PDB file of all heavy atoms in Angstrom:
ATOM      1  N   GLN A   1      17.285 100.101  -3.684  1.00  0.00           N
ATOM      2  CA  GLN A   1      16.105  99.712  -4.435  1.00  0.00           C
ATOM      3  C   GLN A   1      14.908 100.402  -3.802  1.00  0.00           C
ATOM      4  O   GLN A   1      14.701 100.257  -2.604  1.00  0.00           O
ATOM      5  CB  GLN A   1      15.899  98.224  -4.340  1.00  0.00           C
ATOM      6  CG  GLN A   1      17.063  97.416  -4.912  1.00  0.00           C
ATOM      7  CD  GLN A   1      16.964  96.004  -4.504  1.00  0.00           C
ATOM      8  OE1 GLN A   1      15.926  95.365  -4.721  1.00  0.00           O
ATOM      9  NE2 GLN A   1      18.054  95.396  -4.018  1.00  0.00           N
ATOM     10  N   LEU A   2      14.186 101.155  -4.596  1.00  0.00           N
ATOM     11  CA  LEU A   2      12.993 101.883  -4.057  1.00  0.00           C
ATOM     12  C   LEU A   2      11.760 101.394  -4.785  1.00  0.00           C
ATOM     13  O   LEU A   2      11.766 101.168  -6.013  1.00  0.00           O
ATOM     14  CB  LEU A   2      13.143 103.358  -4.351  1.00  0.00           C
ATOM     15  CG  LEU A   2      14.308 104.043  -3.608  1.00  0.00           C
ATOM     16  CD1 LEU A   2      14.786 105.236  -4.400  1.00  0.00           C
ATOM     17  CD2 LEU A   2      13.838 104.489  -2.246  1.00  0.00           C
ATOM     18  N   ILE A   3      10.670 101.179  -4.059  1.00  0.00           N
ATOM     19  CA  ILE A   3       9.410 100.799  -4.660  1.00  0.00           C
ATOM     20  C   ILE A   3       8.347 101.754  -4.056  1.00  0.00           C
ATOM     21  O   ILE A   3       8.225 101.913  -2.855  1.00  0.00           O
ATOM     22  CB  ILE A   3       8.969  99.358  -4.253  1.00  0.00           C
ATOM     23  CG1 ILE A   3      10.058  98.364  -4.800  1.00  0.00           C
ATOM     24  CG2 ILE A   3       7.610  99.048  -4.799  1.00  0.00           C
ATOM     25  CD1 ILE A   3       9.852  96.952  -4.428  1.00  0.00           C
ATOM     26  N   HIS A   4       7.668 102.429  -5.009  1.00  0.00           N
ATOM     27  CA  HIS A   4       6.562 103.324  -4.589  1.00  0.00           C
ATOM     28  C   HIS A   4       5.232 102.733  -5.057  1.00  0.00           C
ATOM     29  O   HIS A   4       5.044 102.471  -6.231  1.00  0.00           O
ATOM     30  CB  HIS A   4       6.782 104.682  -5.233  1.00  0.00           C
ATOM     31  CG  HIS A   4       5.742 105.694  -4.836  1.00  0.00           C
ATOM     32  ND1 HIS A   4       5.754 106.310  -3.639  1.00  0.00           N
ATOM     33  CD2 HIS A   4       4.634 106.071  -5.487  1.00  0.00           C
ATOM     34  CE1 HIS A   4       4.712 107.098  -3.525  1.00  0.00           C
ATOM     35  NE2 HIS A   4       4.014 106.987  -4.650  1.00  0.00           N
ATOM     36  N   VAL A   5       4.358 102.498  -4.119  1.00  0.00           N
ATOM     37  CA  VAL A   5       3.006 101.958  -4.422  1.00  0.00           C
ATOM     38  C   VAL A   5       2.039 102.475  -3.358  1.00  0.00           C
ATOM     39  O   VAL A   5       2.366 102.503  -2.180  1.00  0.00           O
ATOM     40  CB  VAL A   5       3.059 100.379  -4.462  1.00  0.00           C
ATOM     41  CG1 VAL A   5       3.469  99.795  -3.155  1.00  0.00           C
ATOM     42  CG2 VAL A   5       1.734  99.851  -4.985  1.00  0.00           C
ATOM     43  N   HIS A   6       0.845 102.791  -3.762  1.00  0.00           N
ATOM     44  CA  HIS A   6      -0.215 103.249  -2.862  1.00  0.00           C
ATOM     45  C   HIS A   6       0.251 104.333  -1.918  1.00  0.00           C
ATOM     46  O   HIS A   6       0.013 104.325  -0.749  1.00  0.00           O
ATOM     47  CB  HIS A   6      -0.774 102.061  -2.062  1.00  0.00           C
ATOM     48  CG  HIS A   6      -1.310 100.912  -2.857  1.00  0.00           C
ATOM     49  ND1 HIS A   6      -2.441 101.014  -3.603  1.00  0.00           N
ATOM     50  CD2 HIS A   6      -0.858  99.677  -3.014  1.00  0.00           C
ATOM     51  CE1 HIS A   6      -2.694  99.869  -4.201  1.00  0.00           C
ATOM     52  NE2 HIS A   6      -1.716  99.045  -3.867  1.00  0.00           N
ATOM     53  N   ASN A   7       0.936 105.300  -2.480  1.00  0.00           N
ATOM     54  CA  ASN A   7       1.463 106.446  -1.718  1.00  0.00           C
ATOM     55  C   ASN A   7       2.439 106.062  -0.603  1.00  0.00           C
ATOM     56  O   ASN A   7       2.625 106.761   0.376  1.00  0.00           O
ATOM     57  CB  ASN A   7       0.316 107.284  -1.101  1.00  0.00           C
ATOM     58  CG  ASN A   7      -0.522 107.949  -2.172  1.00  0.00           C
ATOM     59  OD1 ASN A   7       0.027 108.369  -3.227  1.00  0.00           O
ATOM     60  ND2 ASN A   7      -1.828 107.962  -2.027  1.00  0.00           N
ATOM     61  N   HIS A   8       3.012 104.890  -0.719  1.00  0.00           N
ATOM     62  CA  HIS A   8       4.091 104.454   0.204  1.00  0.00           C
ATOM     63  C   HIS A   8       5.361 104.191  -0.554  1.00  0.00           C
ATOM     64  O   HIS A   8       5.295 103.627  -1.695  1.00  0.00           O
ATOM     65  CB  HIS A   8       3.658 103.151   0.928  1.00  0.00           C
ATOM     66  CG  HIS A   8       2.443 103.285   1.766  1.00  0.00           C
ATOM     67  ND1 HIS A   8       2.452 103.912   3.024  1.00  0.00           N
ATOM     68  CD2 HIS A   8       1.181 102.898   1.578  1.00  0.00           C
ATOM     69  CE1 HIS A   8       1.230 103.845   3.535  1.00  0.00           C
ATOM     70  NE2 HIS A   8       0.430 103.245   2.669  1.00  0.00           N
ATOM     71  N   THR A   9       6.467 104.591   0.035  1.00  0.00           N
ATOM     72  CA  THR A   9       7.745 104.292  -0.596  1.00  0.00           C
ATOM     73  C   THR A   9       8.529 103.395   0.325  1.00  0.00           C
ATOM     74  O   THR A   9       8.735 103.661   1.507  1.00  0.00           O
ATOM     75  CB  THR A   9       8.512 105.578  -0.880  1.00  0.00           C
ATOM     76  OG1 THR A   9       7.714 106.427  -1.686  1.00  0.00           O
ATOM     77  CG2 THR A   9       9.838 105.296  -1.555  1.00  0.00           C
ATOM     78  N   LEU A  10       9.023 102.255  -0.237  1.00  0.00           N
ATOM     79  CA  LEU A  10       9.804 101.292   0.483  1.00  0.00           C
ATOM     80  C   LEU A  10      11.247 101.330  -0.076  1.00  0.00           C
ATOM     81  O   LEU A  10      11.414 101.507  -1.256  1.00  0.00           O
ATOM     82  CB  LEU A  10       9.245  99.882   0.319  1.00  0.00           C
ATOM     83  CG  LEU A  10       7.759  99.735   0.617  1.00  0.00           C
ATOM     84  CD1 LEU A  10       7.263  98.417   0.072  1.00  0.00           C
ATOM     85  CD2 LEU A  10       7.513  99.852   2.115  1.00  0.00           C
ATOM     86  N   SER A  11      12.218 101.205   0.830  1.00  0.00           N
ATOM     87  CA  SER A  11      13.593 101.261   0.377  1.00  0.00           C
ATOM     88  C   SER A  11      14.389 100.121   0.958  1.00  0.00           C
ATOM     89  O   SER A  11      14.172  99.713   2.147  1.00  0.00           O
ATOM     90  CB  SER A  11      14.217 102.585   0.892  1.00  0.00           C
ATOM     91  OG  SER A  11      15.610 102.579   0.722  1.00  0.00           O
ATOM     92  N   PHE A  12      15.304  99.499   0.194  1.00  0.00           N
ATOM     93  CA  PHE A  12      16.215  98.542   0.647  1.00  0.00           C
ATOM     94  C   PHE A  12      17.576  98.909   0.131  1.00  0.00           C
ATOM     95  O   PHE A  12      17.770  99.136  -1.059  1.00  0.00           O
ATOM     96  CB  PHE A  12      15.802  97.149   0.116  1.00  0.00           C
ATOM     97  CG  PHE A  12      16.804  96.090   0.476  1.00  0.00           C
ATOM     98  CD1 PHE A  12      16.836  95.562   1.738  1.00  0.00           C
ATOM     99  CD2 PHE A  12      17.701  95.603  -0.473  1.00  0.00           C
ATOM    100  CE1 PHE A  12      17.723  94.578   2.100  1.00  0.00           C
ATOM    101  CE2 PHE A  12      18.643  94.588  -0.140  1.00  0.00           C
ATOM    102  CZ  PHE A  12      18.633  94.082   1.158  1.00  0.00           C
ATOM    103  N   ILE A  13      18.556  98.979   1.055  1.00  0.00           N
ATOM    104  CA  ILE A  13      19.874  99.401   0.692  1.00  0.00           C
ATOM    105  C   ILE A  13      20.882  98.236   0.921  1.00  0.00           C
ATOM    106  O   ILE A  13      20.824  97.585   1.989  1.00  0.00           O
ATOM    107  CB  ILE A  13      20.339 100.639   1.504  1.00  0.00           C
ATOM    108  CG1 ILE A  13      19.466 101.843   1.178  1.00  0.00           C
ATOM    109  CG2 ILE A  13      21.829 100.956   1.174  1.00  0.00           C
ATOM    110  CD1 ILE A  13      19.780 103.072   1.953  1.00  0.00           C
ATOM    111  N   GLN A  14      21.668  98.014  -0.057  1.00  0.00           N
ATOM    112  CA  GLN A  14      22.691  96.946  -0.012  1.00  0.00           C
ATOM    113  C   GLN A  14      24.001  97.600  -0.330  1.00  0.00           C
ATOM    114  O   GLN A  14      24.130  98.386  -1.312  1.00  0.00           O
ATOM    115  CB  GLN A  14      22.372  95.890  -1.004  1.00  0.00           C
ATOM    116  CG  GLN A  14      23.386  94.780  -1.137  1.00  0.00           C
ATOM    117  CD  GLN A  14      22.946  93.711  -2.117  1.00  0.00           C
ATOM    118  OE1 GLN A  14      21.785  93.451  -2.276  1.00  0.00           O
ATOM    119  NE2 GLN A  14      23.875  93.187  -2.844  1.00  0.00           N
ATOM    120  N   THR A  15      25.075  97.307   0.473  1.00  0.00           N
ATOM    121  CA  THR A  15      26.393  97.820   0.143  1.00  0.00           C
ATOM    122  C   THR A  15      27.299  96.632  -0.125  1.00  0.00           C
ATOM    123  O   THR A  15      27.069  95.537   0.312  1.00  0.00           O
ATOM    124  CB  THR A  15      26.918  98.649   1.313  1.00  0.00           C
ATOM    125  OG1 THR A  15      27.101  97.841   2.469  1.00  0.00           O
ATOM    126  CG2 THR A  15      26.133  99.889   1.659  1.00  0.00           C
ATOM    127  N   ARG A  16      28.327  96.881  -0.887  1.00  0.00           N
ATOM    128  CA  ARG A  16      29.331  95.839  -1.177  1.00  0.00           C
ATOM    129  C   ARG A  16      30.681  96.537  -1.272  1.00  0.00           C
ATOM    130  O   ARG A  16      30.780  97.716  -1.581  1.00  0.00           O
ATOM    131  CB  ARG A  16      29.014  95.083  -2.446  1.00  0.00           C
ATOM    132  CG  ARG A  16      29.170  95.900  -3.682  1.00  0.00           C
ATOM    133  CD  ARG A  16      29.410  95.111  -4.981  1.00  0.00           C
ATOM    134  NE  ARG A  16      30.569  94.289  -4.939  1.00  0.00           N
ATOM    135  CZ  ARG A  16      31.827  94.739  -5.215  1.00  0.00           C
ATOM    136  NH1 ARG A  16      32.041  96.016  -5.503  1.00  0.00           N
ATOM    137  NH2 ARG A  16      32.806  93.931  -5.209  1.00  0.00           N
ATOM    138  N   GLY A  17      31.679  95.755  -1.001  1.00  0.00           N
ATOM    139  CA  GLY A  17      33.009  96.279  -1.132  1.00  0.00           C
ATOM    140  C   GLY A  17      34.017  95.196  -0.773  1.00  0.00           C
ATOM    141  O   GLY A  17      33.657  94.069  -0.358  1.00  0.00           O
ATOM    142  N   SER A  18      35.279  95.557  -0.894  1.00  0.00           N
ATOM    143  CA  SER A  18      36.328  94.594  -0.526  1.00  0.00           C
ATOM    144  C   SER A  18      36.320  94.308   0.936  1.00  0.00           C
ATOM    145  O   SER A  18      35.862  95.086   1.775  1.00  0.00           O
ATOM    146  CB  SER A  18      37.681  95.234  -0.948  1.00  0.00           C
ATOM    147  OG  SER A  18      38.708  94.310  -0.857  1.00  0.00           O
ATOM    148  N   VAL A  19      36.836  93.141   1.291  1.00  0.00           N
ATOM    149  CA  VAL A  19      36.945  92.715   2.689  1.00  0.00           C
ATOM    150  C   VAL A  19      37.811  93.770   3.427  1.00  0.00           C
ATOM    151  O   VAL A  19      38.906  94.082   3.010  1.00  0.00           O
ATOM    152  CB  VAL A  19      37.588  91.317   2.820  1.00  0.00           C
ATOM    153  CG1 VAL A  19      37.797  90.994   4.317  1.00  0.00           C
ATOM    154  CG2 VAL A  19      36.637  90.292   2.207  1.00  0.00           C
ATOM    155  N   PRO A  20      37.305  94.354   4.528  1.00  0.00           N
ATOM    156  CA  PRO A  20      37.953  95.460   5.212  1.00  0.00           C
ATOM    157  C   PRO A  20      39.124  95.065   6.140  1.00  0.00           C
ATOM    158  O   PRO A  20      39.156  95.355   7.316  1.00  0.00           O
ATOM    159  CB  PRO A  20      36.851  96.125   6.015  1.00  0.00           C
ATOM    160  CG  PRO A  20      35.867  95.032   6.268  1.00  0.00           C
ATOM    161  CD  PRO A  20      35.978  94.111   5.106  1.00  0.00           C
ATOM    162  N   VAL A  21      40.086  94.388   5.524  1.00  0.00           N
ATOM    163  CA  VAL A  21      41.387  94.137   6.159  1.00  0.00           C
ATOM    164  C   VAL A  21      42.475  94.505   5.182  1.00  0.00           C
ATOM    165  O   VAL A  21      42.152  94.745   4.010  1.00  0.00           O
ATOM    166  CB  VAL A  21      41.574  92.628   6.637  1.00  0.00           C
ATOM    167  CG1 VAL A  21      40.481  92.262   7.637  1.00  0.00           C
ATOM    168  CG2 VAL A  21      41.518  91.686   5.464  1.00  0.00           C
ATOM    169  N   PHE A  22      43.706  94.629   5.596  1.00  0.00           N
ATOM    170  CA  PHE A  22      44.786  95.011   4.689  1.00  0.00           C
ATOM    171  C   PHE A  22      45.253  93.723   3.937  1.00  0.00           C
ATOM    172  O   PHE A  22      45.862  92.856   4.490  1.00  0.00           O
ATOM    173  CB  PHE A  22      45.957  95.585   5.481  1.00  0.00           C
ATOM    174  CG  PHE A  22      45.701  96.957   6.001  1.00  0.00           C
ATOM    175  CD1 PHE A  22      45.326  97.196   7.342  1.00  0.00           C
ATOM    176  CD2 PHE A  22      45.764  98.064   5.160  1.00  0.00           C
ATOM    177  CE1 PHE A  22      45.062  98.461   7.798  1.00  0.00           C
ATOM    178  CE2 PHE A  22      45.504  99.346   5.613  1.00  0.00           C
ATOM    179  CZ  PHE A  22      45.182  99.540   6.972  1.00  0.00           C
ATOM    180  N   TRP A  23      44.899  93.699   2.677  1.00  0.00           N
ATOM    181  CA  TRP A  23      45.261  92.543   1.818  1.00  0.00           C
ATOM    182  C   TRP A  23      45.425  93.007   0.395  1.00  0.00           C
ATOM    183  O   TRP A  23      44.995  94.054   0.003  1.00  0.00           O
ATOM    184  CB  TRP A  23      44.238  91.402   1.920  1.00  0.00           C
ATOM    185  CG  TRP A  23      42.899  91.655   1.401  1.00  0.00           C
ATOM    186  CD1 TRP A  23      41.877  92.420   1.928  1.00  0.00           C
ATOM    187  CD2 TRP A  23      42.354  91.113   0.170  1.00  0.00           C
ATOM    188  NE1 TRP A  23      40.772  92.398   1.168  1.00  0.00           N
ATOM    189  CE2 TRP A  23      41.027  91.595   0.072  1.00  0.00           C
ATOM    190  CE3 TRP A  23      42.822  90.298  -0.796  1.00  0.00           C
ATOM    191  CZ2 TRP A  23      40.201  91.283  -0.996  1.00  0.00           C
ATOM    192  CZ3 TRP A  23      42.012  89.952  -1.864  1.00  0.00           C
ATOM    193  CH2 TRP A  23      40.692  90.441  -1.948  1.00  0.00           C
ATOM    194  N   SER A  24      46.028  92.154  -0.421  1.00  0.00           N
ATOM    195  CA  SER A  24      46.263  92.471  -1.814  1.00  0.00           C
ATOM    196  C   SER A  24      46.406  91.186  -2.615  1.00  0.00           C
ATOM    197  O   SER A  24      46.514  90.098  -2.047  1.00  0.00           O
ATOM    198  CB  SER A  24      47.539  93.287  -1.969  1.00  0.00           C
ATOM    199  OG  SER A  24      48.669  92.599  -1.473  1.00  0.00           O
ATOM    200  N   GLN A  25      46.449  91.312  -3.931  1.00  0.00           N
ATOM    201  CA  GLN A  25      46.711  90.204  -4.824  1.00  0.00           C
ATOM    202  C   GLN A  25      47.713  90.788  -5.831  1.00  0.00           C
ATOM    203  O   GLN A  25      47.448  91.757  -6.518  1.00  0.00           O
ATOM    204  CB  GLN A  25      45.395  89.763  -5.572  1.00  0.00           C
ATOM    205  CG  GLN A  25      44.485  89.039  -4.670  1.00  0.00           C
ATOM    206  CD  GLN A  25      43.218  88.628  -5.371  1.00  0.00           C
ATOM    207  OE1 GLN A  25      42.435  89.493  -5.736  1.00  0.00           O
ATOM    208  NE2 GLN A  25      42.984  87.329  -5.513  1.00  0.00           N
ATOM    209  N   VAL A  26      48.829  90.103  -5.947  1.00  0.00           N
ATOM    210  CA  VAL A  26      49.931  90.582  -6.780  1.00  0.00           C
ATOM    211  C   VAL A  26      49.966  89.733  -8.049  1.00  0.00           C
ATOM    212  O   VAL A  26      49.858  88.504  -8.001  1.00  0.00           O
ATOM    213  CB  VAL A  26      51.285  90.490  -6.015  1.00  0.00           C
ATOM    214  CG1 VAL A  26      52.420  90.944  -6.883  1.00  0.00           C
ATOM    215  CG2 VAL A  26      51.202  91.328  -4.760  1.00  0.00           C
ATOM    216  N   GLY A  27      50.195  90.399  -9.132  1.00  0.00           N
ATOM    217  CA  GLY A  27      50.373  89.669 -10.424  1.00  0.00           C
ATOM    218  C   GLY A  27      49.248  89.945 -11.362  1.00  0.00           C
ATOM    219  O   GLY A  27      48.172  90.523 -10.975  1.00  0.00           O
ATOM    220  N   TYR A  28      49.405  89.531 -12.602  1.00  0.00           N
ATOM    221  CA  TYR A  28      48.401  89.835 -13.657  1.00  0.00           C
ATOM    222  C   TYR A  28      47.623  88.541 -14.065  1.00  0.00           C
ATOM    223  O   TYR A  28      46.657  88.658 -14.756  1.00  0.00           O
ATOM    224  CB  TYR A  28      49.052  90.428 -14.898  1.00  0.00           C
ATOM    225  CG  TYR A  28      49.625  91.791 -14.608  1.00  0.00           C
ATOM    226  CD1 TYR A  28      50.961  92.013 -14.352  1.00  0.00           C
ATOM    227  CD2 TYR A  28      48.749  92.895 -14.553  1.00  0.00           C
ATOM    228  CE1 TYR A  28      51.469  93.263 -14.096  1.00  0.00           C
ATOM    229  CE2 TYR A  28      49.255  94.174 -14.292  1.00  0.00           C
ATOM    230  CZ  TYR A  28      50.603  94.335 -14.055  1.00  0.00           C
ATOM    231  OH  TYR A  28      51.086  95.576 -13.770  1.00  0.00           O
ATOM    232  N   ARG A  29      48.059  87.414 -13.685  1.00  0.00           N
ATOM    233  CA  ARG A  29      47.365  86.231 -14.102  1.00  0.00           C
ATOM    234  C   ARG A  29      46.002  86.139 -13.425  1.00  0.00           C
ATOM    235  O   ARG A  29      45.724  86.807 -12.459  1.00  0.00           O
ATOM    236  CB  ARG A  29      48.205  84.974 -13.756  1.00  0.00           C
ATOM    237  CG  ARG A  29      48.418  84.719 -12.303  1.00  0.00           C
ATOM    238  CD  ARG A  29      49.399  83.593 -12.111  1.00  0.00           C
ATOM    239  NE  ARG A  29      49.720  83.582 -10.686  1.00  0.00           N
ATOM    240  CZ  ARG A  29      49.274  82.706  -9.793  1.00  0.00           C
ATOM    241  NH1 ARG A  29      48.475  81.747 -10.217  1.00  0.00           N
ATOM    242  NH2 ARG A  29      49.560  82.772  -8.578  1.00  0.00           N
TER     243      ARG A  29
END
């Protein structure tokens, strides 16, 4: 997310993803 105001630019970065361990979910339900 970037906001530019009064010749200043502010940035905030957010990341998301799956839990970083070896796991799975089997099935279609």
